[in-house]
Amino acid sequence: MKIVSLVLKYLPEHTQDVQQGVEAVPGASVAHDQGDGRMLVLIEDGEGYAVSDSIIQVHHVPHVMSVTLAYEYCDDALELEEA
């Protein structure tokens, strides 16, 4: 399992467009919207796509000016130890 959180910055008048664009990305969801041009987005891996691909797609959402990786978690190493 892989999970990342991103902080997006955009002009506040584009909040609805950015939120819709993020929700269209596989595994992505809006965790919190400040209403001032900042949004916290969570991405979780799933069947048929990688977190890295979803991060790139979020970068291409219209009106997004910057994307910052705030947190990353991966438990793949734990699975390898158990095997």
PDB file of N, CA and C in Angstrom:
ATOM      1  N   MET A   1       0.846  -1.180   0.000  1.00  0.00           N
ATOM      2  CA  MET A   1       0.000   0.000   0.000  1.00  0.00           C
ATOM      3  C   MET A   1       0.886   1.235   0.000  1.00  0.00           C
ATOM      4  N   LYS A   2       0.521   2.185  -0.838  1.00  0.00           N
ATOM      5  CA  LYS A   2       1.214   3.466  -0.904  1.00  0.00           C
ATOM      6  C   LYS A   2       0.180   4.575  -0.776  1.00  0.00           C
ATOM      7  N   ILE A   3       0.541   5.582   0.018  1.00  0.00           N
ATOM      8  CA  ILE A   3      -0.324   6.741   0.227  1.00  0.00           C
ATOM      9  C   ILE A   3       0.548   7.986   0.181  1.00  0.00           C
ATOM     10  N   VAL A   4       0.074   9.017  -0.485  1.00  0.00           N
ATOM     11  CA  VAL A   4       0.770  10.302  -0.479  1.00  0.00           C
ATOM     12  C   VAL A   4      -0.246  11.405  -0.220  1.00  0.00           C
ATOM     13  N   SER A   5       0.242  12.505   0.323  1.00  0.00           N
ATOM     14  CA  SER A   5      -0.579  13.706   0.415  1.00  0.00           C
ATOM     15  C   SER A   5       0.145  14.820  -0.316  1.00  0.00           C
ATOM     16  N   LEU A   6      -0.640  15.629  -0.982  1.00  0.00           N
ATOM     17  CA  LEU A   6      -0.122  16.737  -1.776  1.00  0.00           C
ATOM     18  C   LEU A   6      -0.795  18.031  -1.345  1.00  0.00           C
ATOM     19  N   VAL A   7      -0.053  19.119  -1.426  1.00  0.00           N
ATOM     20  CA  VAL A   7      -0.632  20.444  -1.236  1.00  0.00           C
ATOM     21  C   VAL A   7      -0.648  21.119  -2.603  1.00  0.00           C
ATOM     22  N   LEU A   8      -1.839  21.497  -3.045  1.00  0.00           N
ATOM     23  CA  LEU A   8      -2.000  22.171  -4.326  1.00  0.00           C
ATOM     24  C   LEU A   8      -2.228  23.652  -4.096  1.00  0.00           C
ATOM     25  N   LYS A   9      -1.691  24.468  -4.985  1.00  0.00           N
ATOM     26  CA  LYS A   9      -1.961  25.905  -4.958  1.00  0.00           C
ATOM     27  C   LYS A   9      -2.532  26.302  -6.308  1.00  0.00           C
ATOM     28  N   TYR A  10      -3.533  27.199  -6.260  1.00  0.00           N
ATOM     29  CA  TYR A  10      -4.254  27.637  -7.450  1.00  0.00           C
ATOM     30  C   TYR A  10      -4.986  28.925  -7.087  1.00  0.00           C
ATOM     31  N   LEU A  11      -5.522  29.604  -8.057  1.00  0.00           N
ATOM     32  CA  LEU A  11      -6.299  30.812  -7.778  1.00  0.00           C
ATOM     33  C   LEU A  11      -7.658  30.400  -7.212  1.00  0.00           C
ATOM     34  N   PRO A  12      -8.100  31.017  -6.118  1.00  0.00           N
ATOM     35  CA  PRO A  12      -9.334  30.605  -5.439  1.00  0.00           C
ATOM     36  C   PRO A  12     -10.572  30.571  -6.338  1.00  0.00           C
ATOM     37  N   GLU A  13     -10.614  31.399  -7.358  1.00  0.00           N
ATOM     38  CA  GLU A  13     -11.808  31.399  -8.222  1.00  0.00           C
ATOM     39  C   GLU A  13     -11.933  30.111  -9.051  1.00  0.00           C
ATOM     40  N   HIS A  14     -10.895  29.288  -9.044  1.00  0.00           N
ATOM     41  CA  HIS A  14     -10.920  28.026  -9.796  1.00  0.00           C
ATOM     42  C   HIS A  14     -11.102  26.802  -8.888  1.00  0.00           C
ATOM     43  N   THR A  15     -11.548  27.019  -7.665  1.00  0.00           N
ATOM     44  CA  THR A  15     -11.665  25.923  -6.696  1.00  0.00           C
ATOM     45  C   THR A  15     -12.499  24.764  -7.229  1.00  0.00           C
ATOM     46  N   GLN A  16     -13.651  25.043  -7.767  1.00  0.00           N
ATOM     47  CA  GLN A  16     -14.542  23.975  -8.235  1.00  0.00           C
ATOM     48  C   GLN A  16     -13.902  23.192  -9.382  1.00  0.00           C
ATOM     49  N   ASP A  17     -13.272  23.876 -10.321  1.00  0.00           N
ATOM     50  CA  ASP A  17     -12.618  23.194 -11.443  1.00  0.00           C
ATOM     51  C   ASP A  17     -11.475  22.313 -10.962  1.00  0.00           C
ATOM     52  N   VAL A  18     -10.688  22.819 -10.021  1.00  0.00           N
ATOM     53  CA  VAL A  18      -9.563  22.047  -9.495  1.00  0.00           C
ATOM     54  C   VAL A  18     -10.079  20.829  -8.740  1.00  0.00           C
ATOM     55  N   GLN A  19     -11.099  21.002  -7.921  1.00  0.00           N
ATOM     56  CA  GLN A  19     -11.649  19.881  -7.166  1.00  0.00           C
ATOM     57  C   GLN A  19     -12.181  18.803  -8.103  1.00  0.00           C
ATOM     58  N   GLN A  20     -12.899  19.182  -9.139  1.00  0.00           N
ATOM     59  CA  GLN A  20     -13.422  18.212 -10.099  1.00  0.00           C
ATOM     60  C   GLN A  20     -12.289  17.498 -10.832  1.00  0.00           C
ATOM     61  N   GLY A  21     -11.241  18.243 -11.193  1.00  0.00           N
ATOM     62  CA  GLY A  21     -10.100  17.646 -11.867  1.00  0.00           C
ATOM     63  C   GLY A  21      -9.380  16.646 -10.994  1.00  0.00           C
ATOM     64  N   VAL A  22      -9.212  16.969  -9.725  1.00  0.00           N
ATOM     65  CA  VAL A  22      -8.544  16.063  -8.785  1.00  0.00           C
ATOM     66  C   VAL A  22      -9.370  14.800  -8.588  1.00  0.00           C
ATOM     67  N   GLU A  23     -10.675  14.953  -8.397  1.00  0.00           N
ATOM     68  CA  GLU A  23     -11.543  13.799  -8.159  1.00  0.00           C
ATOM     69  C   GLU A  23     -11.584  12.851  -9.355  1.00  0.00           C
ATOM     70  N   ALA A  24     -11.238  13.328 -10.549  1.00  0.00           N
ATOM     71  CA  ALA A  24     -11.213  12.487 -11.747  1.00  0.00           C
ATOM     72  C   ALA A  24      -9.941  11.639 -11.846  1.00  0.00           C
ATOM     73  N   VAL A  25      -8.946  11.932 -11.026  1.00  0.00           N
ATOM     74  CA  VAL A  25      -7.674  11.198 -11.047  1.00  0.00           C
ATOM     75  C   VAL A  25      -7.822   9.920 -10.222  1.00  0.00           C
ATOM     76  N   PRO A  26      -7.395   8.774 -10.765  1.00  0.00           N
ATOM     77  CA  PRO A  26      -7.517   7.508 -10.020  1.00  0.00           C
ATOM     78  C   PRO A  26      -6.829   7.564  -8.656  1.00  0.00           C
ATOM     79  N   GLY A  27      -7.577   7.203  -7.613  1.00  0.00           N
ATOM     80  CA  GLY A  27      -7.038   7.142  -6.257  1.00  0.00           C
ATOM     81  C   GLY A  27      -6.949   8.461  -5.536  1.00  0.00           C
ATOM     82  N   ALA A  28      -7.304   9.555  -6.178  1.00  0.00           N
ATOM     83  CA  ALA A  28      -7.152  10.886  -5.578  1.00  0.00           C
ATOM     84  C   ALA A  28      -8.467  11.361  -4.974  1.00  0.00           C
ATOM     85  N   SER A  29      -8.349  12.059  -3.850  1.00  0.00           N
ATOM     86  CA  SER A  29      -9.513  12.680  -3.220  1.00  0.00           C
ATOM     87  C   SER A  29      -9.071  13.951  -2.511  1.00  0.00           C
ATOM     88  N   VAL A  30      -9.985  14.891  -2.434  1.00  0.00           N
ATOM     89  CA  VAL A  30      -9.715  16.142  -1.732  1.00  0.00           C
ATOM     90  C   VAL A  30      -9.962  15.903  -0.250  1.00  0.00           C
ATOM     91  N   ALA A  31      -8.910  16.070   0.551  1.00  0.00           N
ATOM     92  CA  ALA A  31      -9.030  15.867   1.995  1.00  0.00           C
ATOM     93  C   ALA A  31      -9.462  17.149   2.698  1.00  0.00           C
ATOM     94  N   HIS A  32      -8.973  18.291   2.195  1.00  0.00           N
ATOM     95  CA  HIS A  32      -9.316  19.569   2.817  1.00  0.00           C
ATOM     96  C   HIS A  32      -9.104  20.679   1.809  1.00  0.00           C
ATOM     97  N   ASP A  33     -10.026  21.619   1.799  1.00  0.00           N
ATOM     98  CA  ASP A  33      -9.922  22.782   0.923  1.00  0.00           C
ATOM     99  C   ASP A  33      -9.987  24.030   1.787  1.00  0.00           C
ATOM    100  N   GLN A  34      -8.903  24.792   1.822  1.00  0.00           N
ATOM    101  CA  GLN A  34      -8.841  26.009   2.627  1.00  0.00           C
ATOM    102  C   GLN A  34      -9.793  27.095   2.134  1.00  0.00           C
ATOM    103  N   GLY A  35     -10.151  27.044   0.847  1.00  0.00           N
ATOM    104  CA  GLY A  35     -10.982  28.098   0.278  1.00  0.00           C
ATOM    105  C   GLY A  35     -10.193  29.328  -0.101  1.00  0.00           C
ATOM    106  N   ASP A  36      -8.881  29.260   0.054  1.00  0.00           N
ATOM    107  CA  ASP A  36      -8.025  30.408  -0.260  1.00  0.00           C
ATOM    108  C   ASP A  36      -6.968  30.072  -1.309  1.00  0.00           C
ATOM    109  N   GLY A  37      -7.218  29.019  -2.082  1.00  0.00           N
ATOM    110  CA  GLY A  37      -6.257  28.640  -3.122  1.00  0.00           C
ATOM    111  C   GLY A  37      -5.292  27.561  -2.688  1.00  0.00           C
ATOM    112  N   ARG A  38      -5.576  26.918  -1.555  1.00  0.00           N
ATOM    113  CA  ARG A  38      -4.767  25.784  -1.094  1.00  0.00           C
ATOM    114  C   ARG A  38      -5.685  24.592  -0.865  1.00  0.00           C
ATOM    115  N   MET A  39      -5.214  23.428  -1.266  1.00  0.00           N
ATOM    116  CA  MET A  39      -6.016  22.218  -1.139  1.00  0.00           C
ATOM    117  C   MET A  39      -5.112  21.065  -0.754  1.00  0.00           C
ATOM    118  N   LEU A  40      -5.564  20.237   0.174  1.00  0.00           N
ATOM    119  CA  LEU A  40      -4.837  19.036   0.560  1.00  0.00           C
ATOM    120  C   LEU A  40      -5.482  17.855  -0.159  1.00  0.00           C
ATOM    121  N   VAL A  41      -4.654  17.103  -0.894  1.00  0.00           N
ATOM    122  CA  VAL A  41      -5.133  15.978  -1.697  1.00  0.00           C
ATOM    123  C   VAL A  41      -4.464  14.703  -1.216  1.00  0.00           C
ATOM    124  N   LEU A  42      -5.244  13.639  -1.079  1.00  0.00           N
ATOM    125  CA  LEU A  42      -4.714  12.325  -0.728  1.00  0.00           C
ATOM    126  C   LEU A  42      -4.789  11.429  -1.951  1.00  0.00           C
ATOM    127  N   ILE A  43      -3.730  10.638  -2.159  1.00  0.00           N
ATOM    128  CA  ILE A  43      -3.718   9.661  -3.243  1.00  0.00           C
ATOM    129  C   ILE A  43      -3.316   8.324  -2.655  1.00  0.00           C
ATOM    130  N   GLU A  44      -4.114   7.303  -2.958  1.00  0.00           N
ATOM    131  CA  GLU A  44      -3.833   5.946  -2.509  1.00  0.00           C
ATOM    132  C   GLU A  44      -3.746   5.055  -3.737  1.00  0.00           C
ATOM    133  N   ASP A  45      -2.780   4.126  -3.721  1.00  0.00           N
ATOM    134  CA  ASP A  45      -2.635   3.241  -4.874  1.00  0.00           C
ATOM    135  C   ASP A  45      -3.809   2.277  -4.958  1.00  0.00           C
ATOM    136  N   GLY A  46      -3.986   1.716  -6.133  1.00  0.00           N
ATOM    137  CA  GLY A  46      -5.080   0.776  -6.344  1.00  0.00           C
ATOM    138  C   GLY A  46      -4.790  -0.113  -7.533  1.00  0.00           C
ATOM    139  N   GLU A  47      -5.719  -0.957  -7.824  1.00  0.00           N
ATOM    140  CA  GLU A  47      -5.573  -1.904  -8.928  1.00  0.00           C
ATOM    141  C   GLU A  47      -5.535  -1.168 -10.268  1.00  0.00           C
ATOM    142  N   GLY A  48      -4.484  -1.382 -11.021  1.00  0.00           N
ATOM    143  CA  GLY A  48      -4.409  -0.846 -12.377  1.00  0.00           C
ATOM    144  C   GLY A  48      -3.765   0.516 -12.530  1.00  0.00           C
ATOM    145  N   TYR A  49      -3.281   1.118 -11.458  1.00  0.00           N
ATOM    146  CA  TYR A  49      -2.593   2.408 -11.579  1.00  0.00           C
ATOM    147  C   TYR A  49      -1.584   2.548 -10.446  1.00  0.00           C
ATOM    148  N   ALA A  50      -0.609   3.394 -10.657  1.00  0.00           N
ATOM    149  CA  ALA A  50       0.425   3.653  -9.652  1.00  0.00           C
ATOM    150  C   ALA A  50       0.235   5.049  -9.078  1.00  0.00           C
ATOM    151  N   VAL A  51       0.646   5.225  -7.847  1.00  0.00           N
ATOM    152  CA  VAL A  51       0.572   6.538  -7.203  1.00  0.00           C
ATOM    153  C   VAL A  51       1.341   7.571  -8.019  1.00  0.00           C
ATOM    154  N   SER A  52       2.493   7.185  -8.530  1.00  0.00           N
ATOM    155  CA  SER A  52       3.309   8.127  -9.306  1.00  0.00           C
ATOM    156  C   SER A  52       2.555   8.641 -10.532  1.00  0.00           C
ATOM    157  N   ASP A  53       1.795   7.771 -11.196  1.00  0.00           N
ATOM    158  CA  ASP A  53       0.997   8.203 -12.348  1.00  0.00           C
ATOM    159  C   ASP A  53      -0.085   9.195 -11.931  1.00  0.00           C
ATOM    160  N   SER A  54      -0.704   8.944 -10.793  1.00  0.00           N
ATOM    161  CA  SER A  54      -1.753   9.838 -10.309  1.00  0.00           C
ATOM    162  C   SER A  54      -1.182  11.203  -9.921  1.00  0.00           C
ATOM    163  N   ILE A  55       0.014  11.217  -9.337  1.00  0.00           N
ATOM    164  CA  ILE A  55       0.660  12.492  -8.991  1.00  0.00           C
ATOM    165  C   ILE A  55       0.885  13.321 -10.256  1.00  0.00           C
ATOM    166  N   ILE A  56       1.361  12.676 -11.302  1.00  0.00           N
ATOM    167  CA  ILE A  56       1.602  13.380 -12.570  1.00  0.00           C
ATOM    168  C   ILE A  56       0.293  13.923 -13.129  1.00  0.00           C
ATOM    169  N   GLN A  57      -0.778  13.134 -13.038  1.00  0.00           N
ATOM    170  CA  GLN A  57      -2.086  13.599 -13.526  1.00  0.00           C
ATOM    171  C   GLN A  57      -2.579  14.806 -12.740  1.00  0.00           C
ATOM    172  N   VAL A  58      -2.340  14.826 -11.434  1.00  0.00           N
ATOM    173  CA  VAL A  58      -2.740  15.980 -10.619  1.00  0.00           C
ATOM    174  C   VAL A  58      -1.978  17.226 -11.069  1.00  0.00           C
ATOM    175  N   HIS A  59      -0.707  17.063 -11.425  1.00  0.00           N
ATOM    176  CA  HIS A  59       0.082  18.189 -11.937  1.00  0.00           C
ATOM    177  C   HIS A  59      -0.557  18.811 -13.178  1.00  0.00           C
ATOM    178  N   HIS A  60      -1.266  18.002 -13.957  1.00  0.00           N
ATOM    179  CA  HIS A  60      -1.850  18.467 -15.210  1.00  0.00           C
ATOM    180  C   HIS A  60      -3.303  18.927 -15.080  1.00  0.00           C
ATOM    181  N   VAL A  61      -3.842  18.932 -13.866  1.00  0.00           N
ATOM    182  CA  VAL A  61      -5.202  19.436 -13.667  1.00  0.00           C
ATOM    183  C   VAL A  61      -5.202  20.931 -13.998  1.00  0.00           C
ATOM    184  N   PRO A  62      -6.140  21.381 -14.846  1.00  0.00           N
ATOM    185  CA  PRO A  62      -6.185  22.802 -15.201  1.00  0.00           C
ATOM    186  C   PRO A  62      -6.258  23.708 -13.970  1.00  0.00           C
ATOM    187  N   HIS A  63      -5.553  24.814 -14.028  1.00  0.00           N
ATOM    188  CA  HIS A  63      -5.513  25.879 -13.025  1.00  0.00           C
ATOM    189  C   HIS A  63      -4.613  25.580 -11.826  1.00  0.00           C
ATOM    190  N   VAL A  64      -4.047  24.381 -11.732  1.00  0.00           N
ATOM    191  CA  VAL A  64      -3.122  24.080 -10.634  1.00  0.00           C
ATOM    192  C   VAL A  64      -1.784  24.739 -10.956  1.00  0.00           C
ATOM    193  N   MET A  65      -1.313  25.585 -10.045  1.00  0.00           N
ATOM    194  CA  MET A  65      -0.052  26.297 -10.257  1.00  0.00           C
ATOM    195  C   MET A  65       1.132  25.564  -9.650  1.00  0.00           C
ATOM    196  N   SER A  66       0.922  24.879  -8.512  1.00  0.00           N
ATOM    197  CA  SER A  66       2.018  24.127  -7.903  1.00  0.00           C
ATOM    198  C   SER A  66       1.478  22.946  -7.117  1.00  0.00           C
ATOM    199  N   VAL A  67       2.303  21.905  -7.046  1.00  0.00           N
ATOM    200  CA  VAL A  67       1.983  20.697  -6.297  1.00  0.00           C
ATOM    201  C   VAL A  67       3.188  20.367  -5.436  1.00  0.00           C
ATOM    202  N   THR A  68       2.978  20.220  -4.143  1.00  0.00           N
ATOM    203  CA  THR A  68       4.052  19.896  -3.209  1.00  0.00           C
ATOM    204  C   THR A  68       3.725  18.584  -2.509  1.00  0.00           C
ATOM    205  N   LEU A  69       4.689  17.661  -2.521  1.00  0.00           N
ATOM    206  CA  LEU A  69       4.522  16.403  -1.806  1.00  0.00           C
ATOM    207  C   LEU A  69       4.710  16.685  -0.322  1.00  0.00           C
ATOM    208  N   ALA A  70       3.668  16.427   0.469  1.00  0.00           N
ATOM    209  CA  ALA A  70       3.727  16.720   1.901  1.00  0.00           C
ATOM    210  C   ALA A  70       4.006  15.478   2.731  1.00  0.00           C
ATOM    211  N   TYR A  71       3.560  14.306   2.255  1.00  0.00           N
ATOM    212  CA  TYR A  71       3.714  13.081   3.034  1.00  0.00           C
ATOM    213  C   TYR A  71       3.700  11.894   2.086  1.00  0.00           C
ATOM    214  N   GLU A  72       4.493  10.871   2.420  1.00  0.00           N
ATOM    215  CA  GLU A  72       4.519   9.647   1.632  1.00  0.00           C
ATOM    216  C   GLU A  72       4.659   8.456   2.570  1.00  0.00           C
ATOM    217  N   TYR A  73       3.846   7.440   2.353  1.00  0.00           N
ATOM    218  CA  TYR A  73       3.911   6.213   3.150  1.00  0.00           C
ATOM    219  C   TYR A  73       3.861   5.018   2.214  1.00  0.00           C
ATOM    220  N   CYS A  74       4.693   4.041   2.509  1.00  0.00           N
ATOM    221  CA  CYS A  74       4.722   2.814   1.725  1.00  0.00           C
ATOM    222  C   CYS A  74       5.000   1.656   2.669  1.00  0.00           C
ATOM    223  N   ASP A  75       4.155   0.637   2.633  1.00  0.00           N
ATOM    224  CA  ASP A  75       4.393  -0.517   3.483  1.00  0.00           C
ATOM    225  C   ASP A  75       4.892  -1.725   2.694  1.00  0.00           C
ATOM    226  N   ASP A  76       5.397  -1.522   1.482  1.00  0.00           N
ATOM    227  CA  ASP A  76       5.918  -2.622   0.668  1.00  0.00           C
ATOM    228  C   ASP A  76       7.060  -3.351   1.366  1.00  0.00           C
ATOM    229  N   ALA A  77       7.908  -2.646   2.077  1.00  0.00           N
ATOM    230  CA  ALA A  77       9.035  -3.275   2.777  1.00  0.00           C
ATOM    231  C   ALA A  77       8.533  -4.221   3.867  1.00  0.00           C
ATOM    232  N   LEU A  78       7.437  -3.869   4.525  1.00  0.00           N
ATOM    233  CA  LEU A  78       6.866  -4.727   5.552  1.00  0.00           C
ATOM    234  C   LEU A  78       6.377  -6.042   4.955  1.00  0.00           C
ATOM    235  N   GLU A  79       5.780  -5.987   3.782  1.00  0.00           N
ATOM    236  CA  GLU A  79       5.291  -7.184   3.110  1.00  0.00           C
ATOM    237  C   GLU A  79       6.443  -8.096   2.734  1.00  0.00           C
ATOM    238  N   LEU A  80       7.565  -7.532   2.305  1.00  0.00           N
ATOM    239  CA  LEU A  80       8.719  -8.334   1.934  1.00  0.00           C
ATOM    240  C   LEU A  80       9.308  -9.052   3.145  1.00  0.00           C
ATOM    241  N   GLU A  81       9.325  -8.398   4.298  1.00  0.00           N
ATOM    242  CA  GLU A  81       9.876  -9.008   5.510  1.00  0.00           C
ATOM    243  C   GLU A  81       9.029 -10.183   5.977  1.00  0.00           C
ATOM    244  N   GLU A  82       7.710 -10.093   5.802  1.00  0.00           N
ATOM    245  CA  GLU A  82       6.820 -11.149   6.252  1.00  0.00           C
ATOM    246  C   GLU A  82       6.912 -12.394   5.391  1.00  0.00           C
ATOM    247  N   ALA A  83       7.291 -12.256   4.148  1.00  0.00           N
ATOM    248  CA  ALA A  83       7.350 -13.398   3.225  1.00  0.00           C
ATOM    249  C   ALA A  83       8.523 -14.235   3.528  1.00  0.00           C
TER     250      ALA A  83
END
